[in-house]
Protein backbone atom coordinates (compact mmCIF):
# COMPACT_ATOMS: atom_id res chain seq x y z
CA MET A 1 -23.64 75.03 -26.31
CA SER A 2 -24.23 75.31 -30.07
CA THR A 3 -23.46 72.22 -32.11
CA HIS A 4 -21.28 74.41 -34.33
CA VAL A 5 -19.19 75.56 -31.37
CA ARG A 6 -18.39 72.00 -30.28
CA HIS A 7 -15.09 70.62 -31.51
CA LEU A 8 -14.16 73.97 -33.09
CA ARG A 9 -11.00 74.19 -31.02
CA GLY A 10 -9.82 70.76 -32.12
CA LEU A 11 -10.75 71.44 -35.75
CA THR A 12 -8.87 74.73 -35.63
CA VAL A 13 -5.73 73.04 -34.31
CA VAL A 14 -5.88 70.31 -36.97
CA THR A 15 -6.41 72.94 -39.68
CA ALA A 16 -3.44 74.99 -38.48
CA LEU A 17 -1.23 71.90 -38.46
CA MET A 18 -2.30 70.88 -41.96
CA ILE A 19 -1.71 74.37 -43.32
CA THR A 20 1.75 74.38 -41.74
CA ALA A 21 2.48 70.96 -43.23
CA GLY A 22 1.23 72.05 -46.64
CA LEU A 23 3.40 75.16 -46.66
CA ALA A 24 6.44 73.22 -45.43
CA LEU A 25 6.03 70.57 -48.14
CA THR A 26 5.42 73.22 -50.78
CA PHE A 27 8.49 75.34 -50.08
CA PHE A 28 10.97 72.87 -48.61
CA TYR A 29 10.10 69.44 -50.03
CA ALA A 30 8.45 69.69 -53.45
CA PRO A 31 11.07 70.18 -56.19
CA LEU A 32 11.16 73.19 -58.48
CA ASP A 33 9.28 72.83 -61.73
CA ALA A 34 11.65 72.29 -64.64
CA GLU A 35 9.99 74.92 -66.83
CA GLN A 36 8.51 77.52 -64.46
CA GLY A 37 10.92 77.34 -61.55
CA PHE A 38 9.98 78.83 -58.17
CA VAL A 39 6.90 80.66 -59.48
CA GLN A 40 5.21 77.28 -59.93
CA LYS A 41 4.93 77.07 -56.13
CA ILE A 42 1.80 79.22 -56.33
CA PHE A 43 0.14 76.21 -57.96
CA TYR A 44 -0.13 74.59 -54.50
CA ILE A 45 -2.25 77.53 -53.32
CA HIS A 46 -4.13 78.57 -56.45
CA VAL A 47 -5.45 75.17 -57.51
CA PRO A 48 -6.66 74.03 -54.05
CA LEU A 49 -8.43 77.37 -53.58
CA ALA A 50 -10.14 76.97 -56.94
CA ILE A 51 -11.16 73.35 -56.32
CA VAL A 52 -12.47 73.97 -52.80
CA SER A 53 -14.42 77.06 -53.89
CA LEU A 54 -16.13 75.16 -56.72
CA VAL A 55 -16.98 72.26 -54.42
CA GLY A 56 -18.29 74.77 -51.88
CA PHE A 57 -20.61 76.30 -54.47
CA CYS A 58 -22.01 72.85 -55.23
CA LEU A 59 -22.33 72.21 -51.49
CA GLY A 60 -24.43 75.36 -51.22
CA GLY A 61 -26.82 73.85 -53.76
CA VAL A 62 -27.03 70.60 -51.80
CA TYR A 63 -27.90 72.56 -48.67
CA GLY A 64 -30.46 74.49 -50.70
CA ILE A 65 -32.16 71.21 -51.55
CA GLY A 66 -32.16 70.40 -47.85
CA TYR A 67 -33.97 73.65 -47.10
CA LEU A 68 -36.63 73.16 -49.78
CA ARG A 69 -37.28 69.64 -48.53
CA THR A 70 -37.47 70.43 -44.82
CA GLY A 71 -38.09 74.17 -44.51
CA LYS A 72 -35.62 74.25 -41.61
CA ARG A 73 -33.58 77.41 -41.09
CA VAL A 74 -30.35 75.53 -40.47
CA TRP A 75 -30.19 74.31 -44.08
CA ASP A 76 -30.65 77.83 -45.41
CA MET A 77 -27.91 79.05 -43.08
CA ARG A 78 -25.57 76.30 -44.22
CA SER A 79 -26.23 77.14 -47.86
CA TYR A 80 -25.61 80.83 -47.23
CA CYS A 81 -22.34 80.21 -45.35
CA ALA A 82 -21.07 77.72 -47.93
CA ILE A 83 -21.63 80.16 -50.78
CA HIS A 84 -20.22 83.07 -48.79
CA MET A 85 -17.03 81.17 -47.98
CA SER A 86 -16.75 79.89 -51.55
CA LEU A 87 -16.88 83.44 -52.87
CA ILE A 88 -14.04 84.45 -50.57
CA PHE A 89 -11.97 81.42 -51.56
CA SER A 90 -12.71 81.91 -55.26
CA VAL A 91 -11.52 85.52 -55.15
CA GLY A 92 -8.35 84.30 -53.45
CA GLY A 93 -7.92 81.66 -56.15
CA LEU A 94 -8.49 84.24 -58.88
CA ILE A 95 -5.88 86.59 -57.41
CA ALA A 96 -3.36 83.75 -57.04
CA GLY A 97 -4.07 82.63 -60.60
CA SER A 98 -3.53 86.15 -61.92
CA ILE A 99 -0.17 86.36 -60.15
CA TRP A 100 0.80 83.01 -61.66
CA ALA A 101 -0.34 84.18 -65.11
CA LYS A 102 1.72 87.37 -64.82
CA ALA A 103 4.82 85.42 -63.87
CA SER A 104 4.31 82.73 -66.54
CA TRP A 105 2.86 84.70 -69.45
CA GLY A 106 3.77 88.29 -68.67
CA HIS A 107 0.07 89.22 -68.48
CA TRP A 108 -2.30 89.39 -65.53
CA TRP A 109 -5.15 88.02 -67.61
CA VAL A 110 -5.53 86.11 -70.89
CA TRP A 111 -9.07 86.09 -72.26
CA SER A 112 -8.31 83.26 -74.68
CA ASP A 113 -7.65 80.84 -71.81
CA PRO A 114 -10.79 78.75 -71.08
CA THR A 115 -9.76 77.98 -67.50
CA LEU A 116 -9.61 81.61 -66.41
CA VAL A 117 -12.70 82.74 -68.29
CA SER A 118 -14.94 79.88 -67.19
CA TYR A 119 -13.84 80.30 -63.56
CA LEU A 120 -14.53 84.03 -63.75
CA ILE A 121 -18.03 83.34 -65.14
CA VAL A 122 -18.81 81.14 -62.13
CA ILE A 123 -17.58 83.83 -59.72
CA LEU A 124 -19.61 86.56 -61.42
CA LEU A 125 -22.68 84.32 -61.30
CA TYR A 126 -22.38 83.91 -57.55
CA CYS A 127 -21.64 87.60 -57.03
CA THR A 128 -25.35 88.14 -57.72
CA TYR A 129 -26.36 85.80 -54.87
CA GLN A 130 -26.21 88.20 -51.95
CA PRO A 131 -27.76 91.23 -53.76
CA MET A 132 -30.60 88.97 -54.88
CA ARG A 133 -31.04 87.46 -51.44
CA PHE A 134 -31.10 90.66 -49.42
CA SER A 135 -33.33 92.47 -51.88
CA ILE A 136 -36.14 90.26 -50.50
CA GLU A 137 -37.46 91.36 -47.11
CA ASP A 138 -39.71 88.42 -46.22
CA PRO A 139 -37.44 85.80 -44.52
CA GLU A 140 -39.29 82.77 -45.89
CA ARG A 141 -39.36 84.06 -49.47
CA GLN A 142 -35.73 85.13 -49.10
CA ALA A 143 -34.65 81.65 -48.04
CA ARG A 144 -36.77 79.94 -50.70
CA TYR A 145 -35.50 82.10 -53.57
CA ALA A 146 -31.92 81.79 -52.33
CA ALA A 147 -32.29 78.00 -52.21
CA VAL A 148 -33.53 77.88 -55.81
CA PHE A 149 -30.65 80.11 -56.90
CA SER A 150 -28.09 77.94 -55.10
CA ILE A 151 -29.44 74.77 -56.72
CA VAL A 152 -29.53 76.15 -60.26
CA ALA A 153 -26.13 77.84 -59.96
CA GLY A 154 -24.67 74.76 -58.27
CA ALA A 155 -25.78 72.63 -61.20
CA PHE A 156 -23.99 75.08 -63.53
CA VAL A 157 -20.64 74.74 -61.74
CA PRO A 158 -19.74 71.31 -63.23
CA ILE A 159 -20.12 72.89 -66.67
CA ASN A 160 -17.05 74.95 -65.79
CA PHE A 161 -15.08 71.75 -65.28
CA ILE A 162 -16.42 70.13 -68.45
CA ILE A 163 -15.72 73.17 -70.63
CA VAL A 164 -12.14 73.42 -69.44
CA ASN A 165 -11.36 69.74 -69.94
CA LEU A 166 -13.06 69.46 -73.34
CA SER A 167 -11.46 72.62 -74.66
CA SER A 168 -9.01 72.06 -77.49
CA GLU A 169 -6.79 75.03 -76.58
CA TYR A 170 -4.79 74.63 -73.38
CA LEU A 171 -2.88 77.83 -72.75
CA HIS A 172 -3.15 77.60 -68.99
CA PRO A 173 0.06 76.51 -67.21
CA ARG A 174 -0.46 72.76 -66.73
CA VAL A 175 1.02 70.90 -63.81
CA LEU A 176 -1.84 68.60 -62.84
CA ASN A 177 -3.96 66.54 -65.22
CA LEU A 178 -6.97 64.38 -64.38
CA GLN A 179 -4.80 61.43 -63.38
CA GLY A 180 -2.12 63.51 -61.70
CA GLY A 181 0.47 61.76 -63.87
CA ALA A 182 2.26 64.99 -64.73
CA MET A 183 3.65 65.32 -61.19
CA PRO A 184 6.30 63.31 -59.38
CA GLY A 185 5.43 61.79 -56.03
CA SER A 186 6.90 64.65 -53.99
CA MET A 187 4.76 67.18 -55.85
CA LYS A 188 1.66 65.03 -55.43
CA LEU A 189 2.24 64.82 -51.68
CA ALA A 190 2.63 68.59 -51.38
CA PHE A 191 -0.40 69.23 -53.57
CA TYR A 192 -2.79 66.84 -51.83
CA THR A 193 -1.64 68.01 -48.41
CA SER A 194 -2.34 71.60 -49.46
CA LEU A 195 -5.71 70.57 -50.86
CA VAL A 196 -6.72 68.92 -47.59
CA ALA A 197 -5.45 71.95 -45.66
CA ILE A 198 -7.50 74.37 -47.75
CA ALA A 199 -10.57 72.13 -47.44
CA LEU A 200 -10.16 72.06 -43.65
CA LEU A 201 -9.73 75.83 -43.62
CA PHE A 202 -12.99 76.15 -45.55
CA ALA A 203 -14.81 73.85 -43.11
CA THR A 204 -13.36 75.64 -40.07
CA LEU A 205 -14.24 79.14 -41.26
CA MET A 206 -17.70 77.99 -42.27
CA LYS A 207 -18.31 76.52 -38.81
CA TYR A 208 -17.16 79.74 -37.18
CA GLU A 209 -19.52 81.74 -39.36
CA MET A 210 -22.37 79.35 -38.56
CA ALA A 211 -21.68 79.66 -34.84
CA SER A 212 -21.53 83.46 -35.11
CA LYS A 213 -24.86 83.65 -36.90
CA GLU A 214 -26.52 81.24 -34.50
CA LEU A 215 -25.34 83.40 -31.59
CA ARG A 216 -26.68 86.51 -33.31
CA ILE A 217 -30.07 84.87 -33.88
CA GLU A 218 -30.22 83.67 -30.28
CA THR A 219 -29.32 87.17 -29.05
CA ARG A 220 -32.12 88.68 -31.13
CA ARG A 221 -34.57 86.10 -29.82
CA LEU A 222 -33.65 86.81 -26.20
CA ARG A 223 -33.84 90.56 -26.74
CA ARG A 224 -37.32 90.23 -28.21
CA ARG A 225 -38.38 88.05 -25.31
CA LEU A 226 -37.12 90.61 -22.81
CA LEU A 227 -39.04 93.32 -24.67
CA GLY A 228 -42.15 91.17 -24.62
CA GLU A 229 -42.24 90.76 -28.38
CA ASP A 230 -43.10 87.63 -30.29
CA ALA A 231 -39.91 86.23 -31.77
CA GLY A 232 -41.77 83.93 -34.14
CA PRO A 233 -40.77 80.38 -34.99
CA LEU A 234 -36.99 80.39 -34.95
CA GLY A 235 -36.77 77.50 -37.37
CA ARG A 236 -38.39 79.45 -40.19
CA THR A 237 -38.28 83.19 -39.75
CA ALA A 238 -34.69 83.91 -38.81
CA SER A 239 -32.37 85.06 -41.55
CA PRO A 240 -28.64 84.22 -41.63
CA SER A 241 -27.76 87.80 -42.51
């Protein structure tokens, strides 16, 4: 049995329980924000999605380093899945943020806000990852170029955080600062529970994608063996596509 299939059932159950707990705390325990009212509840979804997606992009770069150091396919696959999941989560965070902006400002988008713009830049940067990757036919070159991209782009992600926090103009609705002092304890509990839940969801979906791709690679290898073809060294030639 694949290492990525093991413990998936338990991880899925824990993730479902944490998501349920996060939603319950968000809508039934955390108090309404004094200024924004009920619409502030989207904060408990938008911010965790944004944080987890940015961490996932950086994680893709770490896995890219692992591939360049070892040349093993599994590191390339991990990097690919981490970036793929981060893109999905970042789009979700962007949509949630736009809904929050519409409710708070009356506009879906405000170009003068550094938080939105810098986050969008990161997303657009990673939107070039898959077109770049699959424009290369040779599996080894594909993995190597993708690893370099993930490392360089991953190093750029912290700049997003630095720009936002050093910016002098804060138009973005602020509920959480670096110390979390702007929130009462009940809000902190709901927020951190939601953050853990979203992080677990990321890990669970990534493991499912890894397991799916490993199964696809193994199926291709067996089919080639049955046809009498040379499958090649699985650790280097297989692509996670």
